[in-house]
Amino acid sequence: MVNDRGHIKWTSLMLPEHIEMLNKLWESDDEMEDIPVVSEDELEEMQRNVEEAIHYNKKVDILYYHNKRIYAVEGFVVKILPDQIKLNTDEGIDFIRVLDVISLSIVQEDGI
């Protein structure tokens, strides 16, 4: 039995542009990343960094996982909610799920 039977069956009814877009979509699915595992030591370090960033109003750099992709954002931690981090960025206010955070580090200012 052919594995791609469903795809082959319907491609004759599609425009070539649609087939090309679907192929790109399927290729991009292969590039998606699995959620990284964060160790307890890294969690403790992130907790210390968050406390320091809030207390001294320091800028942080956050890597987080969302929709099978890893994103980076930089800003000031405004508040820690039970399941989210409220972050003030150059584009405005962002809310990042705590469980999605991969790393959180304090941005070193130049000259300090």
PDB file of N, CA and C in Angstrom:
ATOM      1  N   MET A   1       0.843  -1.184   0.000  1.00  0.00           N
ATOM      2  CA  MET A   1       0.000   0.000   0.000  1.00  0.00           C
ATOM      3  C   MET A   1       0.888   1.247   0.000  1.00  0.00           C
ATOM      4  N   VAL A   2       0.537   2.213  -0.797  1.00  0.00           N
ATOM      5  CA  VAL A   2       1.314   3.441  -0.922  1.00  0.00           C
ATOM      6  C   VAL A   2       1.004   4.351   0.261  1.00  0.00           C
ATOM      7  N   ASN A   3       2.054   4.901   0.865  1.00  0.00           N
ATOM      8  CA  ASN A   3       1.911   5.737   2.054  1.00  0.00           C
ATOM      9  C   ASN A   3       1.292   7.092   1.741  1.00  0.00           C
ATOM     10  N   ASP A   4       1.612   7.668   0.580  1.00  0.00           N
ATOM     11  CA  ASP A   4       1.132   8.998   0.210  1.00  0.00           C
ATOM     12  C   ASP A   4      -0.116   8.950  -0.652  1.00  0.00           C
ATOM     13  N   ARG A   5      -0.903   7.947  -0.520  1.00  0.00           N
ATOM     14  CA  ARG A   5      -2.082   7.767  -1.378  1.00  0.00           C
ATOM     15  C   ARG A   5      -2.993   8.988  -1.345  1.00  0.00           C
ATOM     16  N   GLY A   6      -3.214   9.551  -0.163  1.00  0.00           N
ATOM     17  CA  GLY A   6      -4.086  10.714  -0.051  1.00  0.00           C
ATOM     18  C   GLY A   6      -3.535  11.918  -0.780  1.00  0.00           C
ATOM     19  N   HIS A   7      -2.229  12.132  -0.696  1.00  0.00           N
ATOM     20  CA  HIS A   7      -1.611  13.275  -1.365  1.00  0.00           C
ATOM     21  C   HIS A   7      -1.635  13.103  -2.879  1.00  0.00           C
ATOM     22  N   ILE A   8      -1.318  11.904  -3.346  1.00  0.00           N
ATOM     23  CA  ILE A   8      -1.287  11.642  -4.780  1.00  0.00           C
ATOM     24  C   ILE A   8      -2.687  11.762  -5.373  1.00  0.00           C
ATOM     25  N   LYS A   9      -3.665  11.282  -4.655  1.00  0.00           N
ATOM     26  CA  LYS A   9      -5.050  11.280  -5.130  1.00  0.00           C
ATOM     27  C   LYS A   9      -5.546  12.702  -5.404  1.00  0.00           C
ATOM     28  N   TRP A  10      -5.212  13.653  -4.551  1.00  0.00           N
ATOM     29  CA  TRP A  10      -5.767  14.998  -4.666  1.00  0.00           C
ATOM     30  C   TRP A  10      -4.886  15.970  -5.445  1.00  0.00           C
ATOM     31  N   THR A  11      -3.636  15.623  -5.711  1.00  0.00           N
ATOM     32  CA  THR A  11      -2.766  16.568  -6.403  1.00  0.00           C
ATOM     33  C   THR A  11      -3.195  16.838  -7.840  1.00  0.00           C
ATOM     34  N   SER A  12      -3.883  15.908  -8.459  1.00  0.00           N
ATOM     35  CA  SER A  12      -4.329  16.144  -9.833  1.00  0.00           C
ATOM     36  C   SER A  12      -5.404  17.227  -9.893  1.00  0.00           C
ATOM     37  N   LEU A  13      -6.047  17.518  -8.784  1.00  0.00           N
ATOM     38  CA  LEU A  13      -7.096  18.529  -8.737  1.00  0.00           C
ATOM     39  C   LEU A  13      -6.575  19.886  -8.276  1.00  0.00           C
ATOM     40  N   MET A  14      -5.286  19.996  -7.994  1.00  0.00           N
ATOM     41  CA  MET A  14      -4.715  21.230  -7.471  1.00  0.00           C
ATOM     42  C   MET A  14      -3.924  21.973  -8.540  1.00  0.00           C
ATOM     43  N   LEU A  15      -3.827  23.267  -8.329  1.00  0.00           N
ATOM     44  CA  LEU A  15      -2.980  24.091  -9.182  1.00  0.00           C
ATOM     45  C   LEU A  15      -1.515  23.869  -8.795  1.00  0.00           C
ATOM     46  N   PRO A  16      -0.599  24.029  -9.735  1.00  0.00           N
ATOM     47  CA  PRO A  16       0.817  23.838  -9.412  1.00  0.00           C
ATOM     48  C   PRO A  16       1.297  24.746  -8.278  1.00  0.00           C
ATOM     49  N   GLU A  17       0.748  25.959  -8.192  1.00  0.00           N
ATOM     50  CA  GLU A  17       1.143  26.870  -7.111  1.00  0.00           C
ATOM     51  C   GLU A  17       0.744  26.312  -5.753  1.00  0.00           C
ATOM     52  N   HIS A  18      -0.418  25.674  -5.692  1.00  0.00           N
ATOM     53  CA  HIS A  18      -0.874  25.093  -4.430  1.00  0.00           C
ATOM     54  C   HIS A  18       0.014  23.917  -4.023  1.00  0.00           C
ATOM     55  N   ILE A  19       0.391  23.110  -5.008  1.00  0.00           N
ATOM     56  CA  ILE A  19       1.265  21.972  -4.724  1.00  0.00           C
ATOM     57  C   ILE A  19       2.613  22.469  -4.204  1.00  0.00           C
ATOM     58  N   GLU A  20       3.136  23.532  -4.822  1.00  0.00           N
ATOM     59  CA  GLU A  20       4.412  24.102  -4.390  1.00  0.00           C
ATOM     60  C   GLU A  20       4.328  24.626  -2.954  1.00  0.00           C
ATOM     61  N   MET A  21       3.223  25.312  -2.632  1.00  0.00           N
ATOM     62  CA  MET A  21       3.049  25.828  -1.259  1.00  0.00           C
ATOM     63  C   MET A  21       2.949  24.683  -0.261  1.00  0.00           C
ATOM     64  N   LEU A  22       2.238  23.625  -0.607  1.00  0.00           N
ATOM     65  CA  LEU A  22       2.131  22.470   0.298  1.00  0.00           C
ATOM     66  C   LEU A  22       3.480  21.801   0.503  1.00  0.00           C
ATOM     67  N   ASN A  23       4.264  21.681  -0.552  1.00  0.00           N
ATOM     68  CA  ASN A  23       5.593  21.090  -0.414  1.00  0.00           C
ATOM     69  C   ASN A  23       6.471  21.920   0.517  1.00  0.00           C
ATOM     70  N   LYS A  24       6.405  23.249   0.395  1.00  0.00           N
ATOM     71  CA  LYS A  24       7.167  24.121   1.295  1.00  0.00           C
ATOM     72  C   LYS A  24       6.699  23.955   2.739  1.00  0.00           C
ATOM     73  N   LEU A  25       5.390  23.820   2.920  1.00  0.00           N
ATOM     74  CA  LEU A  25       4.842  23.633   4.265  1.00  0.00           C
ATOM     75  C   LEU A  25       5.339  22.323   4.861  1.00  0.00           C
ATOM     76  N   TRP A  26       5.320  21.263   4.076  1.00  0.00           N
ATOM     77  CA  TRP A  26       5.783  19.966   4.574  1.00  0.00           C
ATOM     78  C   TRP A  26       7.267  20.008   4.878  1.00  0.00           C
ATOM     79  N   GLU A  27       8.057  20.733   4.070  1.00  0.00           N
ATOM     80  CA  GLU A  27       9.483  20.866   4.336  1.00  0.00           C
ATOM     81  C   GLU A  27       9.736  21.652   5.619  1.00  0.00           C
ATOM     82  N   SER A  28       8.933  22.695   5.851  1.00  0.00           N
ATOM     83  CA  SER A  28       9.128  23.501   7.065  1.00  0.00           C
ATOM     84  C   SER A  28       8.761  22.708   8.308  1.00  0.00           C
ATOM     85  N   ASP A  29       7.850  21.741   8.193  1.00  0.00           N
ATOM     86  CA  ASP A  29       7.521  20.885   9.333  1.00  0.00           C
ATOM     87  C   ASP A  29       8.731  20.077   9.765  1.00  0.00           C
ATOM     88  N   ASP A  30       9.569  19.693   8.803  1.00  0.00           N
ATOM     89  CA  ASP A  30      10.765  18.927   9.129  1.00  0.00           C
ATOM     90  C   ASP A  30      11.783  19.771   9.893  1.00  0.00           C
ATOM     91  N   GLU A  31      11.758  21.087   9.686  1.00  0.00           N
ATOM     92  CA  GLU A  31      12.706  21.988  10.335  1.00  0.00           C
ATOM     93  C   GLU A  31      12.291  22.348  11.763  1.00  0.00           C
ATOM     94  N   MET A  32      11.097  22.009  12.175  1.00  0.00           N
ATOM     95  CA  MET A  32      10.616  22.368  13.501  1.00  0.00           C
ATOM     96  C   MET A  32      11.395  21.610  14.567  1.00  0.00           C
ATOM     97  N   GLU A  33      11.519  22.231  15.702  1.00  0.00           N
ATOM     98  CA  GLU A  33      12.358  21.696  16.761  1.00  0.00           C
ATOM     99  C   GLU A  33      11.522  21.081  17.877  1.00  0.00           C
ATOM    100  N   ASP A  34      12.119  20.115  18.566  1.00  0.00           N
ATOM    101  CA  ASP A  34      11.483  19.525  19.737  1.00  0.00           C
ATOM    102  C   ASP A  34      11.727  20.435  20.928  1.00  0.00           C
ATOM    103  N   ILE A  35      10.848  20.338  21.918  1.00  0.00           N
ATOM    104  CA  ILE A  35      10.982  21.187  23.096  1.00  0.00           C
ATOM    105  C   ILE A  35      12.223  20.771  23.891  1.00  0.00           C
ATOM    106  N   PRO A  36      13.103  21.705  24.172  1.00  0.00           N
ATOM    107  CA  PRO A  36      14.312  21.381  24.935  1.00  0.00           C
ATOM    108  C   PRO A  36      13.982  21.117  26.408  1.00  0.00           C
ATOM    109  N   VAL A  37      14.806  20.310  27.030  1.00  0.00           N
ATOM    110  CA  VAL A  37      14.635  19.990  28.450  1.00  0.00           C
ATOM    111  C   VAL A  37      15.530  20.932  29.252  1.00  0.00           C
ATOM    112  N   VAL A  38      14.956  21.553  30.274  1.00  0.00           N
ATOM    113  CA  VAL A  38      15.694  22.490  31.129  1.00  0.00           C
ATOM    114  C   VAL A  38      15.979  21.797  32.453  1.00  0.00           C
ATOM    115  N   SER A  39      17.237  21.807  32.875  1.00  0.00           N
ATOM    116  CA  SER A  39      17.628  21.139  34.118  1.00  0.00           C
ATOM    117  C   SER A  39      17.224  21.984  35.330  1.00  0.00           C
ATOM    118  N   GLU A  40      17.271  21.365  36.500  1.00  0.00           N
ATOM    119  CA  GLU A  40      16.934  22.076  37.739  1.00  0.00           C
ATOM    120  C   GLU A  40      17.916  23.202  38.020  1.00  0.00           C
ATOM    121  N   ASP A  41      19.189  22.969  37.725  1.00  0.00           N
ATOM    122  CA  ASP A  41      20.198  24.018  37.928  1.00  0.00           C
ATOM    123  C   ASP A  41      19.899  25.235  37.055  1.00  0.00           C
ATOM    124  N   GLU A  42      19.514  24.983  35.807  1.00  0.00           N
ATOM    125  CA  GLU A  42      19.169  26.091  34.919  1.00  0.00           C
ATOM    126  C   GLU A  42      17.928  26.829  35.403  1.00  0.00           C
ATOM    127  N   LEU A  43      16.956  26.083  35.944  1.00  0.00           N
ATOM    128  CA  LEU A  43      15.749  26.712  36.491  1.00  0.00           C
ATOM    129  C   LEU A  43      16.083  27.610  37.675  1.00  0.00           C
ATOM    130  N   GLU A  44      16.977  27.137  38.541  1.00  0.00           N
ATOM    131  CA  GLU A  44      17.389  27.943  39.700  1.00  0.00           C
ATOM    132  C   GLU A  44      18.111  29.211  39.258  1.00  0.00           C
ATOM    133  N   GLU A  45      18.980  29.078  38.258  1.00  0.00           N
ATOM    134  CA  GLU A  45      19.702  30.246  37.750  1.00  0.00           C
ATOM    135  C   GLU A  45      18.726  31.248  37.125  1.00  0.00           C
ATOM    136  N   MET A  46      17.737  30.748  36.380  1.00  0.00           N
ATOM    137  CA  MET A  46      16.745  31.638  35.790  1.00  0.00           C
ATOM    138  C   MET A  46      15.940  32.349  36.873  1.00  0.00           C
ATOM    139  N   GLN A  47      15.617  31.637  37.953  1.00  0.00           N
ATOM    140  CA  GLN A  47      14.882  32.245  39.068  1.00  0.00           C
ATOM    141  C   GLN A  47      15.691  33.377  39.698  1.00  0.00           C
ATOM    142  N   ARG A  48      16.977  33.145  39.917  1.00  0.00           N
ATOM    143  CA  ARG A  48      17.842  34.199  40.474  1.00  0.00           C
ATOM    144  C   ARG A  48      17.925  35.395  39.525  1.00  0.00           C
ATOM    145  N   ASN A  49      18.039  35.120  38.228  1.00  0.00           N
ATOM    146  CA  ASN A  49      18.120  36.200  37.245  1.00  0.00           C
ATOM    147  C   ASN A  49      16.831  37.020  37.195  1.00  0.00           C
ATOM    148  N   VAL A  50      15.698  36.352  37.303  1.00  0.00           N
ATOM    149  CA  VAL A  50      14.413  37.071  37.301  1.00  0.00           C
ATOM    150  C   VAL A  50      14.317  37.967  38.525  1.00  0.00           C
ATOM    151  N   GLU A  51      14.670  37.436  39.689  1.00  0.00           N
ATOM    152  CA  GLU A  51      14.610  38.230  40.916  1.00  0.00           C
ATOM    153  C   GLU A  51      15.533  39.446  40.825  1.00  0.00           C
ATOM    154  N   GLU A  52      16.741  39.239  40.308  1.00  0.00           N
ATOM    155  CA  GLU A  52      17.688  40.344  40.163  1.00  0.00           C
ATOM    156  C   GLU A  52      17.179  41.369  39.149  1.00  0.00           C
ATOM    157  N   ALA A  53      16.624  40.890  38.042  1.00  0.00           N
ATOM    158  CA  ALA A  53      16.123  41.791  36.992  1.00  0.00           C
ATOM    159  C   ALA A  53      14.970  42.640  37.500  1.00  0.00           C
ATOM    160  N   ILE A  54      14.090  42.060  38.294  1.00  0.00           N
ATOM    161  CA  ILE A  54      12.961  42.827  38.838  1.00  0.00           C
ATOM    162  C   ILE A  54      13.462  43.823  39.884  1.00  0.00           C
ATOM    163  N   HIS A  55      14.319  43.363  40.785  1.00  0.00           N
ATOM    164  CA  HIS A  55      14.790  44.197  41.885  1.00  0.00           C
ATOM    165  C   HIS A  55      15.604  45.392  41.396  1.00  0.00           C
ATOM    166  N   TYR A  56      16.501  45.163  40.415  1.00  0.00           N
ATOM    167  CA  TYR A  56      17.388  46.226  39.944  1.00  0.00           C
ATOM    168  C   TYR A  56      16.965  46.809  38.599  1.00  0.00           C
ATOM    169  N   ASN A  57      15.792  46.408  38.111  1.00  0.00           N
ATOM    170  CA  ASN A  57      15.246  46.884  36.831  1.00  0.00           C
ATOM    171  C   ASN A  57      16.256  46.688  35.699  1.00  0.00           C
ATOM    172  N   LYS A  58      16.728  45.450  35.550  1.00  0.00           N
ATOM    173  CA  LYS A  58      17.702  45.114  34.518  1.00  0.00           C
ATOM    174  C   LYS A  58      17.004  44.467  33.327  1.00  0.00           C
ATOM    175  N   LYS A  59      17.599  44.650  32.161  1.00  0.00           N
ATOM    176  CA  LYS A  59      17.073  44.063  30.926  1.00  0.00           C
ATOM    177  C   LYS A  59      17.449  42.582  30.869  1.00  0.00           C
ATOM    178  N   VAL A  60      16.522  41.744  30.399  1.00  0.00           N
ATOM    179  CA  VAL A  60      16.770  40.317  30.285  1.00  0.00           C
ATOM    180  C   VAL A  60      16.630  39.859  28.837  1.00  0.00           C
ATOM    181  N   ASP A  61      17.278  38.756  28.547  1.00  0.00           N
ATOM    182  CA  ASP A  61      17.179  38.095  27.252  1.00  0.00           C
ATOM    183  C   ASP A  61      16.537  36.735  27.508  1.00  0.00           C
ATOM    184  N   ILE A  62      15.407  36.472  26.857  1.00  0.00           N
ATOM    185  CA  ILE A  62      14.659  35.231  27.082  1.00  0.00           C
ATOM    186  C   ILE A  62      14.587  34.438  25.786  1.00  0.00           C
ATOM    187  N   LEU A  63      14.941  33.163  25.878  1.00  0.00           N
ATOM    188  CA  LEU A  63      14.686  32.217  24.801  1.00  0.00           C
ATOM    189  C   LEU A  63      13.493  31.381  25.227  1.00  0.00           C
ATOM    190  N   TYR A  64      12.499  31.274  24.343  1.00  0.00           N
ATOM    191  CA  TYR A  64      11.328  30.473  24.687  1.00  0.00           C
ATOM    192  C   TYR A  64      10.859  29.669  23.491  1.00  0.00           C
ATOM    193  N   TYR A  65      10.131  28.606  23.793  1.00  0.00           N
ATOM    194  CA  TYR A  65       9.637  27.653  22.803  1.00  0.00           C
ATOM    195  C   TYR A  65       8.148  27.885  22.604  1.00  0.00           C
ATOM    196  N   HIS A  66       7.755  28.059  21.326  1.00  0.00           N
ATOM    197  CA  HIS A  66       6.339  28.280  21.024  1.00  0.00           C
ATOM    198  C   HIS A  66       6.052  27.761  19.619  1.00  0.00           C
ATOM    199  N   ASN A  67       5.009  26.979  19.476  1.00  0.00           N
ATOM    200  CA  ASN A  67       4.608  26.422  18.174  1.00  0.00           C
ATOM    201  C   ASN A  67       5.762  25.728  17.458  1.00  0.00           C
ATOM    202  N   LYS A  68       6.477  24.892  18.187  1.00  0.00           N
ATOM    203  CA  LYS A  68       7.581  24.093  17.662  1.00  0.00           C
ATOM    204  C   LYS A  68       8.728  24.922  17.099  1.00  0.00           C
ATOM    205  N   ARG A  69       8.872  26.132  17.601  1.00  0.00           N
ATOM    206  CA  ARG A  69       9.974  27.005  17.200  1.00  0.00           C
ATOM    207  C   ARG A  69      10.554  27.657  18.461  1.00  0.00           C
ATOM    208  N   ILE A  70      11.815  28.078  18.365  1.00  0.00           N
ATOM    209  CA  ILE A  70      12.469  28.774  19.469  1.00  0.00           C
ATOM    210  C   ILE A  70      12.597  30.242  19.092  1.00  0.00           C
ATOM    211  N   TYR A  71      12.147  31.110  20.002  1.00  0.00           N
ATOM    212  CA  TYR A  71      12.167  32.554  19.768  1.00  0.00           C
ATOM    213  C   TYR A  71      13.020  33.225  20.839  1.00  0.00           C
ATOM    214  N   ALA A  72      13.545  34.397  20.514  1.00  0.00           N
ATOM    215  CA  ALA A  72      14.312  35.203  21.461  1.00  0.00           C
ATOM    216  C   ALA A  72      13.632  36.553  21.605  1.00  0.00           C
ATOM    217  N   VAL A  73      13.586  37.052  22.831  1.00  0.00           N
ATOM    218  CA  VAL A  73      13.006  38.368  23.095  1.00  0.00           C
ATOM    219  C   VAL A  73      13.831  39.031  24.191  1.00  0.00           C
ATOM    220  N   GLU A  74      13.911  40.347  24.117  1.00  0.00           N
ATOM    221  CA  GLU A  74      14.687  41.115  25.082  1.00  0.00           C
ATOM    222  C   GLU A  74      13.800  42.213  25.652  1.00  0.00           C
ATOM    223  N   GLY A  75      13.867  42.403  26.956  1.00  0.00           N
ATOM    224  CA  GLY A  75      13.067  43.445  27.580  1.00  0.00           C
ATOM    225  C   GLY A  75      13.211  43.439  29.089  1.00  0.00           C
ATOM    226  N   PHE A  76      12.325  44.177  29.741  1.00  0.00           N
ATOM    227  CA  PHE A  76      12.343  44.298  31.205  1.00  0.00           C
ATOM    228  C   PHE A  76      11.185  43.504  31.789  1.00  0.00           C
ATOM    229  N   VAL A  77      11.473  42.710  32.819  1.00  0.00           N
ATOM    230  CA  VAL A  77      10.423  41.939  33.481  1.00  0.00           C
ATOM    231  C   VAL A  77       9.584  42.897  34.309  1.00  0.00           C
ATOM    232  N   VAL A  78       8.292  42.953  33.997  1.00  0.00           N
ATOM    233  CA  VAL A  78       7.379  43.836  34.712  1.00  0.00           C
ATOM    234  C   VAL A  78       6.776  43.103  35.898  1.00  0.00           C
ATOM    235  N   LYS A  79       6.374  41.849  35.656  1.00  0.00           N
ATOM    236  CA  LYS A  79       5.674  41.104  36.689  1.00  0.00           C
ATOM    237  C   LYS A  79       5.756  39.615  36.389  1.00  0.00           C
ATOM    238  N   ILE A  80       5.780  38.821  37.437  1.00  0.00           N
ATOM    239  CA  ILE A  80       5.699  37.371  37.300  1.00  0.00           C
ATOM    240  C   ILE A  80       4.304  36.959  37.746  1.00  0.00           C
ATOM    241  N   LEU A  81       3.550  36.411  36.820  1.00  0.00           N
ATOM    242  CA  LEU A  81       2.211  35.899  37.111  1.00  0.00           C
ATOM    243  C   LEU A  81       2.343  34.401  37.383  1.00  0.00           C
ATOM    244  N   PRO A  82       1.296  33.751  37.889  1.00  0.00           N
ATOM    245  CA  PRO A  82       1.426  32.324  38.210  1.00  0.00           C
ATOM    246  C   PRO A  82       1.906  31.452  37.045  1.00  0.00           C
ATOM    247  N   ASP A  83       1.495  31.763  35.825  1.00  0.00           N
ATOM    248  CA  ASP A  83       1.892  30.928  34.695  1.00  0.00           C
ATOM    249  C   ASP A  83       2.537  31.713  33.551  1.00  0.00           C
ATOM    250  N   GLN A  84       2.763  33.020  33.738  1.00  0.00           N
ATOM    251  CA  GLN A  84       3.313  33.847  32.676  1.00  0.00           C
ATOM    252  C   GLN A  84       4.310  34.869  33.217  1.00  0.00           C
ATOM    253  N   ILE A  85       5.164  35.327  32.309  1.00  0.00           N
ATOM    254  CA  ILE A  85       6.071  36.436  32.601  1.00  0.00           C
ATOM    255  C   ILE A  85       5.597  37.622  31.782  1.00  0.00           C
ATOM    256  N   LYS A  86       5.350  38.739  32.447  1.00  0.00           N
ATOM    257  CA  LYS A  86       4.956  39.960  31.758  1.00  0.00           C
ATOM    258  C   LYS A  86       6.231  40.734  31.472  1.00  0.00           C
ATOM    259  N   LEU A  87       6.492  40.978  30.188  1.00  0.00           N
ATOM    260  CA  LEU A  87       7.751  41.556  29.748  1.00  0.00           C
ATOM    261  C   LEU A  87       7.495  42.822  28.947  1.00  0.00           C
ATOM    262  N   ASN A  88       8.195  43.899  29.297  1.00  0.00           N
ATOM    263  CA  ASN A  88       8.097  45.154  28.562  1.00  0.00           C
ATOM    264  C   ASN A  88       9.228  45.191  27.535  1.00  0.00           C
ATOM    265  N   THR A  89       8.874  45.090  26.238  1.00  0.00           N
ATOM    266  CA  THR A  89       9.857  45.086  25.158  1.00  0.00           C
ATOM    267  C   THR A  89       9.765  46.387  24.371  1.00  0.00           C
ATOM    268  N   ASP A  90      10.634  46.533  23.381  1.00  0.00           N
ATOM    269  CA  ASP A  90      10.594  47.722  22.519  1.00  0.00           C
ATOM    270  C   ASP A  90       9.287  47.799  21.734  1.00  0.00           C
ATOM    271  N   GLU A  91       8.685  46.645  21.426  1.00  0.00           N
ATOM    272  CA  GLU A  91       7.438  46.609  20.665  1.00  0.00           C
ATOM    273  C   GLU A  91       6.201  46.745  21.541  1.00  0.00           C
ATOM    274  N   GLY A  92       6.367  46.672  22.856  1.00  0.00           N
ATOM    275  CA  GLY A  92       5.227  46.757  23.764  1.00  0.00           C
ATOM    276  C   GLY A  92       5.321  45.695  24.844  1.00  0.00           C
ATOM    277  N   ILE A  93       4.166  45.296  25.354  1.00  0.00           N
ATOM    278  CA  ILE A  93       4.101  44.306  26.431  1.00  0.00           C
ATOM    279  C   ILE A  93       3.926  42.915  25.831  1.00  0.00           C
ATOM    280  N   ASP A  94       4.741  41.961  26.278  1.00  0.00           N
ATOM    281  CA  ASP A  94       4.633  40.561  25.868  1.00  0.00           C
ATOM    282  C   ASP A  94       4.341  39.712  27.089  1.00  0.00           C
ATOM    283  N   PHE A  95       3.560  38.674  26.881  1.00  0.00           N
ATOM    284  CA  PHE A  95       3.322  37.678  27.916  1.00  0.00           C
ATOM    285  C   PHE A  95       3.912  36.365  27.426  1.00  0.00           C
ATOM    286  N   ILE A  96       4.810  35.781  28.210  1.00  0.00           N
ATOM    287  CA  ILE A  96       5.461  34.527  27.847  1.00  0.00           C
ATOM    288  C   ILE A  96       5.120  33.494  28.908  1.00  0.00           C
ATOM    289  N   ARG A  97       4.678  32.335  28.463  1.00  0.00           N
ATOM    290  CA  ARG A  97       4.373  31.267  29.410  1.00  0.00           C
ATOM    291  C   ARG A  97       5.639  30.816  30.118  1.00  0.00           C
ATOM    292  N   VAL A  98       5.566  30.648  31.412  1.00  0.00           N
ATOM    293  CA  VAL A  98       6.727  30.241  32.205  1.00  0.00           C
ATOM    294  C   VAL A  98       7.236  28.876  31.743  1.00  0.00           C
ATOM    295  N   LEU A  99       6.325  27.963  31.409  1.00  0.00           N
ATOM    296  CA  LEU A  99       6.727  26.624  31.000  1.00  0.00           C
ATOM    297  C   LEU A  99       7.420  26.601  29.641  1.00  0.00           C
ATOM    298  N   ASP A 100       7.280  27.666  28.855  1.00  0.00           N
ATOM    299  CA  ASP A 100       7.907  27.739  27.534  1.00  0.00           C
ATOM    300  C   ASP A 100       9.325  28.306  27.579  1.00  0.00           C
ATOM    301  N   VAL A 101       9.724  28.878  28.717  1.00  0.00           N
ATOM    302  CA  VAL A 101      11.032  29.534  28.815  1.00  0.00           C
ATOM    303  C   VAL A 101      12.144  28.483  28.825  1.00  0.00           C
ATOM    304  N   ILE A 102      13.115  28.669  27.929  1.00  0.00           N
ATOM    305  CA  ILE A 102      14.268  27.775  27.836  1.00  0.00           C
ATOM    306  C   ILE A 102      15.449  28.370  28.591  1.00  0.00           C
ATOM    307  N   SER A 103      15.675  29.670  28.401  1.00  0.00           N
ATOM    308  CA  SER A 103      16.736  30.338  29.139  1.00  0.00           C
ATOM    309  C   SER A 103      16.356  31.789  29.379  1.00  0.00           C
ATOM    310  N   LEU A 104      16.847  32.314  30.480  1.00  0.00           N
ATOM    311  CA  LEU A 104      16.605  33.699  30.852  1.00  0.00           C
ATOM    312  C   LEU A 104      17.899  34.224  31.437  1.00  0.00           C
ATOM    313  N   SER A 105      18.483  35.214  30.784  1.00  0.00           N
ATOM    314  CA  SER A 105      19.747  35.770  31.273  1.00  0.00           C
ATOM    315  C   SER A 105      19.658  37.293  31.288  1.00  0.00           C
ATOM    316  N   ILE A 106      20.464  37.883  32.156  1.00  0.00           N
ATOM    317  CA  ILE A 106      20.502  39.331  32.269  1.00  0.00           C
ATOM    318  C   ILE A 106      21.420  39.875  31.187  1.00  0.00           C
ATOM    319  N   VAL A 107      20.964  40.900  30.486  1.00  0.00           N
ATOM    320  CA  VAL A 107      21.744  41.535  29.429  1.00  0.00           C
ATOM    321  C   VAL A 107      22.794  42.415  30.077  1.00  0.00           C
ATOM    322  N   GLN A 108      24.043  42.209  29.686  1.00  0.00           N
ATOM    323  CA  GLN A 108      25.138  43.013  30.221  1.00  0.00           C
ATOM    324  C   GLN A 108      25.180  44.344  29.498  1.00  0.00           C
ATOM    325  N   GLU A 109      25.091  45.413  30.248  1.00  0.00           N
ATOM    326  CA  GLU A 109      25.147  46.762  29.664  1.00  0.00           C
ATOM    327  C   GLU A 109      26.583  47.095  29.318  1.00  0.00           C
ATOM    328  N   ASP A 110      26.782  47.838  28.244  1.00  0.00           N
ATOM    329  CA  ASP A 110      28.130  48.265  27.846  1.00  0.00           C
ATOM    330  C   ASP A 110      28.685  49.258  28.872  1.00  0.00           C
ATOM    331  N   GLY A 111      29.941  49.083  29.215  1.00  0.00           N
ATOM    332  CA  GLY A 111      30.590  50.013  30.141  1.00  0.00           C
ATOM    333  C   GLY A 111      30.409  49.653  31.603  1.00  0.00           C
ATOM    334  N   ILE A 112      29.752  48.551  31.878  1.00  0.00           N
ATOM    335  CA  ILE A 112      29.544  48.154  33.277  1.00  0.00           C
ATOM    336  C   ILE A 112      30.374  46.920  33.575  1.00  0.00           C
TER     337      ILE A 112
END
